[in-house]
Amino acid sequence: MKEAQWKMETPVANFYLVASARGLRGLFWKEQAAPYADSLDLPGEEIAMLSQAVG
């Protein structure tokens, strides 16, 4: 299953969101093995899920 990761920087900590086409897979404290999304405006269902979660 294709996944994408987004690093969300907050004043409290950095969080790593991982999503697939089926939805948000998790919110993590540490970097995961999924590839990073260069932008939330790119095509792809996993990127759309990240964009929706961040946005």
Protein backbone atom coordinates (compact mmCIF):
# COMPACT_ATOMS: atom_id res chain seq x y z
CA MET A 1 0.00 0.00 0.00
CA LYS A 2 1.37 3.40 -0.99
CA GLU A 3 1.92 5.75 1.95
CA ALA A 4 3.18 9.29 2.45
CA GLN A 5 4.55 11.12 5.46
CA TRP A 6 4.34 14.77 6.52
CA LYS A 7 6.36 16.44 9.27
CA MET A 8 4.21 18.83 11.30
CA GLU A 9 6.23 21.26 13.40
CA THR A 10 4.50 22.66 16.49
CA PRO A 11 5.73 24.63 19.52
CA VAL A 12 5.30 21.49 21.64
CA ALA A 13 7.04 18.93 19.40
CA ASN A 14 7.44 17.67 15.87
CA PHE A 15 4.83 15.15 14.78
CA TYR A 16 4.94 12.79 11.83
CA LEU A 17 1.66 12.05 10.08
CA VAL A 18 1.47 8.98 7.86
CA ALA A 19 -1.43 8.43 5.47
CA SER A 20 -2.48 6.06 2.73
CA ALA A 21 -5.36 6.18 0.27
CA ARG A 22 -7.51 4.51 2.94
CA GLY A 23 -6.96 7.30 5.48
CA LEU A 24 -4.67 8.56 8.19
CA ARG A 25 -2.50 5.68 9.40
CA GLY A 26 -1.09 7.40 12.46
CA LEU A 27 0.41 10.37 14.26
CA PHE A 28 3.92 9.58 15.51
CA TRP A 29 6.63 11.18 17.65
CA LYS A 30 9.41 9.68 15.52
CA GLU A 31 10.07 9.64 11.80
CA GLN A 32 8.58 6.63 10.02
CA ALA A 33 9.71 4.58 7.01
CA ALA A 34 7.10 6.09 4.66
CA PRO A 35 8.44 8.53 2.04
CA TYR A 36 7.97 12.24 2.66
CA ALA A 37 5.48 14.25 0.63
CA ASP A 38 7.27 17.22 -0.97
CA SER A 39 4.05 19.21 -1.00
CA LEU A 40 0.45 18.77 0.10
CA ASP A 41 -0.67 20.02 -3.34
CA LEU A 42 0.64 16.99 -5.27
CA PRO A 43 -1.67 14.41 -6.86
CA GLY A 44 -2.31 11.13 -5.08
CA GLU A 45 -4.90 9.84 -2.66
CA GLU A 46 -2.37 9.51 0.19
CA ILE A 47 -1.34 13.17 -0.26
CA ALA A 48 -5.02 14.21 -0.24
CA MET A 49 -5.48 12.40 3.08
CA LEU A 50 -2.46 14.18 4.57
CA SER A 51 -3.72 17.52 3.31
CA GLN A 52 -7.12 16.90 4.86
CA ALA A 53 -5.56 15.90 8.20
CA VAL A 54 -3.28 18.95 8.34
CA GLY A 55 -5.74 21.31 7.08
